[in-house]
Amino acid sequence: MNERIYQAFDAVQADEALKAKTVAAVTERLQARRPHPVRRWAAVAACVLVLAGFGGYRVYATPTATVRIDLPQTVELEVNRFGRVVEATGTDAAVCHQTYEAALTAIFEDLSTEGVTVAVDGDPAQCAAISDAVERCSGGRAHCYGWGGSDHENREAQGGHNGNGWQHRHGKTQ
């Protein structure tokens, strides 16, 4: 059977010009399908930039401290590790993406109430800086306290808390 197939195809002949033309066409198609190294590296670089952009945004948008200002309507500011307000609730002031000092100044600017209670929670070093900023920006009209789960060990070490989760930042209860 194999012999008959070989004999049938032995009669098929192609001249050298046709063979060369076929080889050239196949080679051209193979080279056209291969991406250039520059294109490949450009695609890899674009993917890295997109992933870095999402990662950077996530770092920027993650709050590391919360500032709660008790007014007739409670105001909460979520502050990221760069000292920028990433979320604000309970205020009409446009304070998102401003520094926390600028946001606190904008909130206390129109406020005439004395004895405002402000609670700060989050990263201890950042909370200390925010507490100092609250006192500066409020002109002494606000009392700053630590509150929340991350400050729990400090509350116990300083003598407990006042029962509602708030404690003065210097260890005095309200």
N, C-alpha and C. Protein backbone atom coordinates (compact mmCIF):
# COMPACT_ATOMS: atom_id res chain seq x y z
N MET A 1 0.82 -1.19 0.00
CA MET A 1 0.00 0.00 0.00
C MET A 1 0.87 1.25 0.00
N ASN A 2 1.89 1.28 0.86
CA ASN A 2 2.79 2.42 0.90
C ASN A 2 3.48 2.62 -0.44
N GLU A 3 3.81 1.53 -1.09
CA GLU A 3 4.50 1.59 -2.39
C GLU A 3 3.63 2.28 -3.42
N ARG A 4 2.35 2.01 -3.41
CA ARG A 4 1.44 2.62 -4.37
C ARG A 4 1.32 4.12 -4.15
N ILE A 5 1.33 4.54 -2.87
CA ILE A 5 1.25 5.97 -2.56
C ILE A 5 2.51 6.67 -3.06
N TYR A 6 3.68 6.09 -2.79
CA TYR A 6 4.93 6.68 -3.26
C TYR A 6 4.95 6.81 -4.77
N GLN A 7 4.48 5.81 -5.45
CA GLN A 7 4.47 5.84 -6.92
C GLN A 7 3.51 6.93 -7.44
N ALA A 8 2.40 7.13 -6.75
CA ALA A 8 1.45 8.14 -7.19
C ALA A 8 2.04 9.54 -7.04
N PHE A 9 2.77 9.80 -5.97
CA PHE A 9 3.34 11.13 -5.75
C PHE A 9 4.67 11.34 -6.44
N ASP A 10 5.32 10.31 -6.91
CA ASP A 10 6.56 10.45 -7.67
C ASP A 10 6.33 11.22 -8.96
N ALA A 11 5.15 11.14 -9.48
CA ALA A 11 4.84 11.81 -10.74
C ALA A 11 4.68 13.32 -10.55
N VAL A 12 4.46 13.79 -9.31
CA VAL A 12 4.28 15.22 -9.05
C VAL A 12 5.66 15.87 -9.01
N GLN A 13 5.86 16.90 -9.80
CA GLN A 13 7.14 17.60 -9.90
C GLN A 13 6.89 19.10 -9.82
N ALA A 14 7.77 19.84 -9.12
CA ALA A 14 7.69 21.30 -9.04
C ALA A 14 9.03 21.86 -9.51
N ASP A 15 8.95 22.93 -10.30
CA ASP A 15 10.21 23.51 -10.78
C ASP A 15 10.85 24.34 -9.66
N GLU A 16 12.10 24.69 -9.80
CA GLU A 16 12.87 25.37 -8.76
C GLU A 16 12.31 26.76 -8.44
N ALA A 17 11.77 27.47 -9.39
CA ALA A 17 11.21 28.80 -9.16
C ALA A 17 9.99 28.72 -8.23
N LEU A 18 9.14 27.74 -8.43
CA LEU A 18 7.97 27.55 -7.58
C LEU A 18 8.39 27.20 -6.15
N LYS A 19 9.43 26.36 -6.01
CA LYS A 19 9.92 25.99 -4.69
C LYS A 19 10.47 27.22 -3.95
N ALA A 20 11.24 28.04 -4.64
CA ALA A 20 11.82 29.23 -4.03
C ALA A 20 10.72 30.22 -3.62
N LYS A 21 9.72 30.37 -4.47
CA LYS A 21 8.61 31.28 -4.18
C LYS A 21 7.82 30.81 -2.94
N THR A 22 7.63 29.53 -2.81
CA THR A 22 6.91 28.95 -1.69
C THR A 22 7.69 29.14 -0.39
N VAL A 23 8.98 28.88 -0.43
CA VAL A 23 9.82 29.05 0.75
C VAL A 23 9.80 30.52 1.19
N ALA A 24 9.88 31.45 0.25
CA ALA A 24 9.87 32.88 0.57
C ALA A 24 8.54 33.28 1.21
N ALA A 25 7.43 32.77 0.69
CA ALA A 25 6.11 33.10 1.24
C ALA A 25 5.95 32.57 2.66
N VAL A 26 6.37 31.35 2.90
CA VAL A 26 6.27 30.76 4.24
C VAL A 26 7.16 31.52 5.23
N THR A 27 8.38 31.85 4.82
CA THR A 27 9.30 32.59 5.67
C THR A 27 8.73 33.97 6.01
N GLU A 28 8.15 34.64 5.02
CA GLU A 28 7.57 35.97 5.24
C GLU A 28 6.41 35.91 6.25
N ARG A 29 5.58 34.91 6.14
CA ARG A 29 4.46 34.78 7.08
C ARG A 29 4.94 34.49 8.50
N LEU A 30 5.96 33.67 8.64
CA LEU A 30 6.49 33.38 9.98
C LEU A 30 7.10 34.62 10.62
N GLN A 31 7.82 35.41 9.85
CA GLN A 31 8.43 36.62 10.39
C GLN A 31 7.38 37.68 10.72
N ALA A 32 6.30 37.74 9.96
CA ALA A 32 5.25 38.72 10.21
C ALA A 32 4.51 38.41 11.51
N ARG A 33 4.44 37.18 11.91
CA ARG A 33 3.72 36.80 13.13
C ARG A 33 4.53 37.04 14.40
N ARG A 34 5.84 37.10 14.31
CA ARG A 34 6.67 37.32 15.49
C ARG A 34 6.62 38.79 15.89
N PRO A 35 6.27 39.06 17.14
CA PRO A 35 6.28 40.47 17.57
C PRO A 35 7.73 40.95 17.72
N HIS A 36 7.94 42.21 17.45
CA HIS A 36 9.26 42.79 17.61
C HIS A 36 9.59 42.85 19.10
N PRO A 37 10.85 42.72 19.46
CA PRO A 37 11.21 42.79 20.88
C PRO A 37 10.80 44.12 21.53
N VAL A 38 10.82 45.20 20.77
CA VAL A 38 10.43 46.49 21.32
C VAL A 38 8.95 46.47 21.70
N ARG A 39 8.13 45.90 20.88
CA ARG A 39 6.71 45.80 21.18
C ARG A 39 6.47 44.94 22.42
N ARG A 40 7.20 43.86 22.52
CA ARG A 40 7.05 42.96 23.67
C ARG A 40 7.43 43.70 24.95
N TRP A 41 8.56 44.41 24.96
CA TRP A 41 8.99 45.14 26.15
C TRP A 41 8.05 46.30 26.46
N ALA A 42 7.50 46.91 25.43
CA ALA A 42 6.54 47.99 25.65
C ALA A 42 5.28 47.46 26.33
N ALA A 43 4.84 46.29 25.93
CA ALA A 43 3.66 45.68 26.55
C ALA A 43 3.94 45.32 28.01
N VAL A 44 5.11 44.78 28.27
CA VAL A 44 5.49 44.44 29.65
C VAL A 44 5.57 45.71 30.50
N ALA A 45 6.16 46.75 29.97
CA ALA A 45 6.28 48.02 30.71
C ALA A 45 4.90 48.62 30.99
N ALA A 46 4.00 48.53 30.03
CA ALA A 46 2.64 49.05 30.23
C ALA A 46 1.93 48.27 31.35
N CYS A 47 2.08 46.96 31.37
CA CYS A 47 1.46 46.16 32.43
C CYS A 47 2.04 46.51 33.80
N VAL A 48 3.34 46.70 33.88
CA VAL A 48 3.98 47.06 35.15
C VAL A 48 3.47 48.42 35.62
N LEU A 49 3.36 49.38 34.71
CA LEU A 49 2.86 50.71 35.09
C LEU A 49 1.42 50.66 35.59
N VAL A 50 0.59 49.85 34.93
CA VAL A 50 -0.81 49.72 35.37
C VAL A 50 -0.87 49.11 36.76
N LEU A 51 -0.12 48.05 36.99
CA LEU A 51 -0.11 47.41 38.31
C LEU A 51 0.45 48.34 39.37
N ALA A 52 1.50 49.08 39.06
CA ALA A 52 2.07 50.03 40.02
C ALA A 52 1.08 51.15 40.31
N GLY A 53 0.35 51.57 39.29
CA GLY A 53 -0.65 52.61 39.50
C GLY A 53 -1.75 52.17 40.44
N PHE A 54 -2.24 50.95 40.26
CA PHE A 54 -3.27 50.44 41.17
C PHE A 54 -2.73 50.27 42.58
N GLY A 55 -1.50 49.77 42.69
CA GLY A 55 -0.89 49.60 44.01
C GLY A 55 -0.66 50.94 44.69
N GLY A 56 -0.21 51.93 43.94
CA GLY A 56 0.00 53.26 44.49
C GLY A 56 -1.30 53.90 44.94
N TYR A 57 -2.34 53.71 44.15
CA TYR A 57 -3.64 54.26 44.54
C TYR A 57 -4.13 53.61 45.82
N ARG A 58 -3.92 52.32 45.92
CA ARG A 58 -4.37 51.61 47.13
C ARG A 58 -3.63 52.12 48.37
N VAL A 59 -2.34 52.38 48.24
CA VAL A 59 -1.57 52.93 49.36
C VAL A 59 -2.10 54.32 49.70
N TYR A 60 -2.39 55.13 48.68
CA TYR A 60 -2.88 56.48 48.91
C TYR A 60 -4.28 56.46 49.54
N ALA A 61 -5.14 55.58 49.09
CA ALA A 61 -6.55 55.59 49.50
C ALA A 61 -6.81 54.87 50.83
N THR A 62 -5.83 54.19 51.38
CA THR A 62 -6.02 53.46 52.63
C THR A 62 -5.86 54.40 53.82
N PRO A 63 -6.92 54.57 54.63
CA PRO A 63 -6.80 55.45 55.80
C PRO A 63 -5.97 54.80 56.90
N THR A 64 -5.15 55.62 57.56
CA THR A 64 -4.36 55.14 58.69
C THR A 64 -4.74 55.84 59.99
N ALA A 65 -5.58 56.86 59.89
CA ALA A 65 -6.06 57.56 61.08
C ALA A 65 -7.47 58.09 60.81
N THR A 66 -8.25 58.19 61.89
CA THR A 66 -9.60 58.73 61.80
C THR A 66 -9.74 59.87 62.81
N VAL A 67 -10.31 60.97 62.34
CA VAL A 67 -10.57 62.12 63.21
C VAL A 67 -12.08 62.27 63.30
N ARG A 68 -12.61 62.27 64.51
CA ARG A 68 -14.06 62.40 64.71
C ARG A 68 -14.32 63.67 65.52
N ILE A 69 -15.07 64.57 64.92
CA ILE A 69 -15.37 65.85 65.55
C ILE A 69 -16.85 65.85 65.91
N ASP A 70 -17.15 65.94 67.21
CA ASP A 70 -18.53 65.93 67.65
C ASP A 70 -19.11 67.33 67.66
N LEU A 71 -19.88 67.60 66.64
CA LEU A 71 -20.63 68.85 66.49
C LEU A 71 -22.10 68.46 66.50
N PRO A 72 -23.01 69.38 66.25
CA PRO A 72 -24.41 68.94 66.13
C PRO A 72 -24.55 67.78 65.13
N GLN A 73 -23.73 67.82 64.09
CA GLN A 73 -23.65 66.68 63.17
C GLN A 73 -22.20 66.19 63.24
N THR A 74 -21.99 64.92 63.57
CA THR A 74 -20.65 64.38 63.71
C THR A 74 -19.92 64.41 62.38
N VAL A 75 -18.68 64.89 62.42
CA VAL A 75 -17.82 64.94 61.23
C VAL A 75 -16.71 63.92 61.42
N GLU A 76 -16.50 63.08 60.40
CA GLU A 76 -15.39 62.12 60.44
C GLU A 76 -14.50 62.34 59.24
N LEU A 77 -13.20 62.38 59.52
CA LEU A 77 -12.19 62.52 58.47
C LEU A 77 -11.31 61.28 58.50
N GLU A 78 -11.16 60.63 57.36
CA GLU A 78 -10.24 59.49 57.22
C GLU A 78 -8.96 60.04 56.60
N VAL A 79 -7.83 59.85 57.29
CA VAL A 79 -6.55 60.42 56.85
C VAL A 79 -5.61 59.30 56.45
N ASN A 80 -4.93 59.45 55.29
CA ASN A 80 -4.00 58.42 54.83
C ASN A 80 -2.61 58.63 55.45
N ARG A 81 -1.68 57.77 55.10
CA ARG A 81 -0.34 57.83 55.68
C ARG A 81 0.45 59.05 55.23
N PHE A 82 -0.05 59.75 54.21
CA PHE A 82 0.62 60.95 53.72
C PHE A 82 0.02 62.22 54.30
N GLY A 83 -0.91 62.08 55.25
CA GLY A 83 -1.51 63.23 55.90
C GLY A 83 -2.60 63.89 55.07
N ARG A 84 -3.17 63.16 54.13
CA ARG A 84 -4.24 63.69 53.28
C ARG A 84 -5.57 63.06 53.67
N VAL A 85 -6.62 63.86 53.61
CA VAL A 85 -7.97 63.37 53.91
C VAL A 85 -8.44 62.60 52.68
N VAL A 86 -8.73 61.29 52.86
CA VAL A 86 -9.19 60.48 51.73
C VAL A 86 -10.71 60.27 51.75
N GLU A 87 -11.34 60.56 52.89
CA GLU A 87 -12.79 60.46 52.98
C GLU A 87 -13.27 61.38 54.10
N ALA A 88 -14.37 62.07 53.83
CA ALA A 88 -14.94 62.97 54.83
C ALA A 88 -16.45 62.78 54.84
N THR A 89 -17.00 62.60 56.04
CA THR A 89 -18.45 62.48 56.17
C THR A 89 -18.94 63.50 57.18
N GLY A 90 -20.14 64.02 56.94
CA GLY A 90 -20.77 64.92 57.88
C GLY A 90 -20.38 66.38 57.73
N THR A 91 -19.70 66.74 56.65
CA THR A 91 -19.30 68.14 56.44
C THR A 91 -19.62 68.56 55.02
N ASP A 92 -19.97 69.84 54.88
CA ASP A 92 -20.21 70.38 53.55
C ASP A 92 -18.94 70.94 52.94
N ALA A 93 -17.90 71.12 53.76
CA ALA A 93 -16.64 71.67 53.26
C ALA A 93 -15.97 70.66 52.33
N ALA A 94 -15.40 71.15 51.26
CA ALA A 94 -14.69 70.29 50.32
C ALA A 94 -13.28 70.05 50.85
N VAL A 95 -13.12 69.00 51.64
CA VAL A 95 -11.85 68.75 52.32
C VAL A 95 -11.12 67.50 51.83
N CYS A 96 -11.74 66.73 50.96
CA CYS A 96 -11.08 65.52 50.46
C CYS A 96 -9.83 65.88 49.67
N HIS A 97 -8.78 65.12 49.90
CA HIS A 97 -7.48 65.24 49.25
C HIS A 97 -6.70 66.47 49.70
N GLN A 98 -7.18 67.15 50.74
CA GLN A 98 -6.41 68.23 51.36
C GLN A 98 -5.61 67.64 52.51
N THR A 99 -4.65 68.39 53.00
CA THR A 99 -3.95 67.95 54.20
C THR A 99 -4.93 68.01 55.37
N TYR A 100 -4.68 67.23 56.42
CA TYR A 100 -5.61 67.24 57.55
C TYR A 100 -5.61 68.61 58.23
N GLU A 101 -4.49 69.31 58.20
CA GLU A 101 -4.47 70.65 58.81
C GLU A 101 -5.38 71.61 58.04
N ALA A 102 -5.32 71.56 56.71
CA ALA A 102 -6.19 72.43 55.91
C ALA A 102 -7.66 72.06 56.11
N ALA A 103 -7.94 70.76 56.23
CA ALA A 103 -9.31 70.32 56.46
C ALA A 103 -9.81 70.77 57.83
N LEU A 104 -8.98 70.61 58.85
CA LEU A 104 -9.38 71.04 60.20
C LEU A 104 -9.58 72.56 60.25
N THR A 105 -8.72 73.30 59.59
CA THR A 105 -8.88 74.75 59.54
C THR A 105 -10.19 75.12 58.88
N ALA A 106 -10.53 74.45 57.76
CA ALA A 106 -11.78 74.74 57.05
C ALA A 106 -12.99 74.42 57.92
N ILE A 107 -12.92 73.35 58.70
CA ILE A 107 -14.05 72.95 59.54
C ILE A 107 -14.19 73.91 60.73
N PHE A 108 -13.07 74.25 61.39
CA PHE A 108 -13.14 75.12 62.57
C PHE A 108 -13.31 76.59 62.21
N GLU A 109 -13.06 76.95 60.96
CA GLU A 109 -13.14 78.35 60.53
C GLU A 109 -14.52 78.96 60.78
N ASP A 110 -15.56 78.23 60.43
CA ASP A 110 -16.92 78.74 60.56
C ASP A 110 -17.56 78.34 61.88
N LEU A 111 -16.81 77.74 62.77
CA LEU A 111 -17.36 77.21 64.01
C LEU A 111 -17.18 78.22 65.14
N SER A 112 -18.26 78.51 65.84
CA SER A 112 -18.16 79.44 66.97
C SER A 112 -18.34 78.73 68.31
N THR A 113 -18.60 77.43 68.28
CA THR A 113 -18.86 76.66 69.49
C THR A 113 -17.56 76.44 70.27
N GLU A 114 -17.64 76.55 71.57
CA GLU A 114 -16.50 76.26 72.45
C GLU A 114 -16.65 74.83 72.98
N GLY A 115 -15.55 74.22 73.38
CA GLY A 115 -15.59 72.91 74.01
C GLY A 115 -15.97 71.78 73.08
N VAL A 116 -15.55 71.85 71.84
CA VAL A 116 -15.82 70.79 70.87
C VAL A 116 -14.96 69.58 71.22
N THR A 117 -15.54 68.40 71.14
CA THR A 117 -14.81 67.18 71.44
C THR A 117 -14.33 66.56 70.13
N VAL A 118 -13.04 66.26 70.08
CA VAL A 118 -12.42 65.66 68.89
C VAL A 118 -11.73 64.38 69.32
N ALA A 119 -12.01 63.30 68.62
CA ALA A 119 -11.37 62.02 68.91
C ALA A 119 -10.49 61.63 67.73
N VAL A 120 -9.32 61.09 68.03
CA VAL A 120 -8.37 60.68 67.00
C VAL A 120 -7.99 59.24 67.26
N ASP A 121 -7.98 58.43 66.21
CA ASP A 121 -7.63 57.01 66.34
C ASP A 121 -6.78 56.61 65.14
N GLY A 122 -5.88 55.67 65.35
CA GLY A 122 -5.06 55.14 64.25
C GLY A 122 -3.62 54.99 64.67
N ASP A 123 -2.72 55.25 63.72
CA ASP A 123 -1.29 55.15 63.95
C ASP A 123 -0.90 56.13 65.07
N PRO A 124 -0.24 55.65 66.13
CA PRO A 124 0.05 56.52 67.29
C PRO A 124 0.83 57.78 66.96
N ALA A 125 1.87 57.68 66.13
CA ALA A 125 2.66 58.86 65.79
C ALA A 125 1.82 59.86 65.00
N GLN A 126 1.03 59.35 64.07
CA GLN A 126 0.19 60.22 63.27
C GLN A 126 -0.91 60.85 64.13
N CYS A 127 -1.45 60.09 65.06
CA CYS A 127 -2.50 60.61 65.95
C CYS A 127 -1.96 61.75 66.82
N ALA A 128 -0.73 61.62 67.28
CA ALA A 128 -0.14 62.69 68.09
C ALA A 128 -0.01 63.97 67.26
N ALA A 129 0.43 63.83 66.02
CA ALA A 129 0.57 65.00 65.15
C ALA A 129 -0.79 65.61 64.84
N ILE A 130 -1.79 64.77 64.61
CA ILE A 130 -3.14 65.27 64.32
C ILE A 130 -3.71 65.95 65.55
N SER A 131 -3.49 65.40 66.74
CA SER A 131 -3.98 66.01 67.98
C SER A 131 -3.40 67.40 68.16
N ASP A 132 -2.11 67.55 67.89
CA ASP A 132 -1.49 68.87 67.98
C ASP A 132 -2.10 69.82 66.96
N ALA A 133 -2.37 69.32 65.76
CA ALA A 133 -2.97 70.15 64.71
C ALA A 133 -4.39 70.57 65.09
N VAL A 134 -5.13 69.68 65.76
CA VAL A 134 -6.49 70.02 66.20
C VAL A 134 -6.44 71.21 67.15
N GLU A 135 -5.51 71.16 68.10
CA GLU A 135 -5.41 72.24 69.07
C GLU A 135 -4.99 73.56 68.41
N ARG A 136 -4.07 73.48 67.42
CA ARG A 136 -3.65 74.69 66.71
C ARG A 136 -4.78 75.25 65.85
N CYS A 137 -5.43 74.37 65.07
CA CYS A 137 -6.44 74.81 64.11
C CYS A 137 -7.73 75.27 64.78
N SER A 138 -8.01 74.75 65.95
CA SER A 138 -9.26 75.12 66.63
C SER A 138 -9.09 76.36 67.48
N GLY A 139 -7.88 76.83 67.65
CA GLY A 139 -7.65 77.99 68.51
C GLY A 139 -7.97 77.71 69.96
N GLY A 140 -7.80 76.48 70.39
CA GLY A 140 -8.06 76.11 71.78
C GLY A 140 -9.52 75.84 72.09
N ARG A 141 -10.37 75.81 71.09
CA ARG A 141 -11.81 75.57 71.31
C ARG A 141 -12.15 74.09 71.33
N ALA A 142 -11.19 73.21 71.03
CA ALA A 142 -11.47 71.77 70.95
C ALA A 142 -10.63 71.01 71.97
N HIS A 143 -11.21 69.94 72.49
CA HIS A 143 -10.52 69.04 73.40
C HIS A 143 -10.29 67.74 72.63
N CYS A 144 -9.03 67.33 72.52
CA CYS A 144 -8.70 66.18 71.71
C CYS A 144 -8.53 64.93 72.57
N TYR A 145 -9.12 63.84 72.14
CA TYR A 145 -9.11 62.57 72.86
C TYR A 145 -8.65 61.46 71.92
N GLY A 146 -8.15 60.37 72.49
CA GLY A 146 -7.89 59.16 71.74
C GLY A 146 -9.09 58.24 71.89
N TRP A 147 -9.38 57.46 70.85
CA TRP A 147 -10.53 56.58 70.93
C TRP A 147 -10.31 55.39 70.02
N GLY A 148 -10.99 54.28 70.30
CA GLY A 148 -10.99 53.13 69.40
C GLY A 148 -10.09 52.01 69.83
N GLY A 149 -10.09 50.97 69.00
CA GLY A 149 -9.39 49.74 69.32
C GLY A 149 -7.88 49.85 69.32
N SER A 150 -7.31 50.67 68.44
CA SER A 150 -5.86 50.72 68.37
C SER A 150 -5.26 51.42 69.57
N ASP A 151 -6.05 52.16 70.34
CA ASP A 151 -5.57 52.89 71.50
C ASP A 151 -5.90 52.15 72.80
N HIS A 152 -6.43 50.93 72.70
CA HIS A 152 -6.92 50.19 73.86
C HIS A 152 -5.83 49.96 74.91
N GLU A 153 -4.64 49.54 74.48
CA GLU A 153 -3.56 49.27 75.42
C GLU A 153 -3.14 50.56 76.12
N ASN A 154 -3.09 51.67 75.39
CA ASN A 154 -2.71 52.96 76.00
C ASN A 154 -3.73 53.38 77.04
N ARG A 155 -5.02 53.17 76.79
CA ARG A 155 -6.06 53.55 77.76
C ARG A 155 -5.88 52.78 79.05
N GLU A 156 -5.62 51.47 78.95
CA GLU A 156 -5.45 50.67 80.16
C GLU A 156 -4.20 51.09 80.91
N ALA A 157 -3.12 51.39 80.20
CA ALA A 157 -1.87 51.79 80.84
C ALA A 157 -2.01 53.14 81.53
N GLN A 158 -2.87 54.02 80.99
CA GLN A 158 -3.02 55.35 81.55
C GLN A 158 -4.16 55.46 82.56
N GLY A 159 -4.78 54.36 82.87
CA GLY A 159 -5.79 54.38 83.91
C GLY A 159 -7.20 54.18 83.43
N GLY A 160 -7.38 53.54 82.30
CA GLY A 160 -8.73 53.23 81.84
C GLY A 160 -9.31 54.30 80.97
N HIS A 161 -10.63 54.19 80.73
CA HIS A 161 -11.32 55.17 79.90
C HIS A 161 -12.59 55.60 80.60
N ASN A 162 -13.31 56.51 80.00
CA ASN A 162 -14.45 57.12 80.68
C ASN A 162 -15.76 56.37 80.44
N GLY A 163 -15.72 55.19 79.87
CA GLY A 163 -16.94 54.39 79.72
C GLY A 163 -17.56 54.48 78.35
N ASN A 164 -17.28 55.53 77.59
CA ASN A 164 -17.87 55.62 76.26
C ASN A 164 -16.83 55.47 75.16
N GLY A 165 -15.63 54.99 75.51
CA GLY A 165 -14.60 54.74 74.51
C GLY A 165 -13.71 55.94 74.25
N TRP A 166 -13.88 57.03 74.97
CA TRP A 166 -13.10 58.23 74.75
C TRP A 166 -12.15 58.46 75.92
N GLN A 167 -11.01 59.03 75.65
CA GLN A 167 -10.06 59.36 76.71
C GLN A 167 -9.23 60.54 76.25
N HIS A 168 -8.94 61.42 77.14
CA HIS A 168 -8.13 62.59 76.79
C HIS A 168 -6.75 62.11 76.40
N ARG A 169 -6.13 62.76 75.46
CA ARG A 169 -4.85 62.27 74.95
C ARG A 169 -3.74 62.34 75.97
N HIS A 170 -3.94 63.10 77.05
CA HIS A 170 -2.92 63.17 78.10
C HIS A 170 -3.24 62.21 79.26
N GLY A 171 -4.22 61.33 79.08
CA GLY A 171 -4.53 60.34 80.08
C GLY A 171 -5.62 60.75 81.04
N LYS A 172 -6.14 61.95 80.94
CA LYS A 172 -7.21 62.41 81.82
C LYS A 172 -8.53 61.98 81.23
N THR A 173 -9.44 61.53 82.06
CA THR A 173 -10.75 61.14 81.55
C THR A 173 -11.68 62.33 81.51
N GLN A 174 -12.66 62.24 80.68
CA GLN A 174 -13.62 63.32 80.48
C GLN A 174 -14.60 63.42 81.61
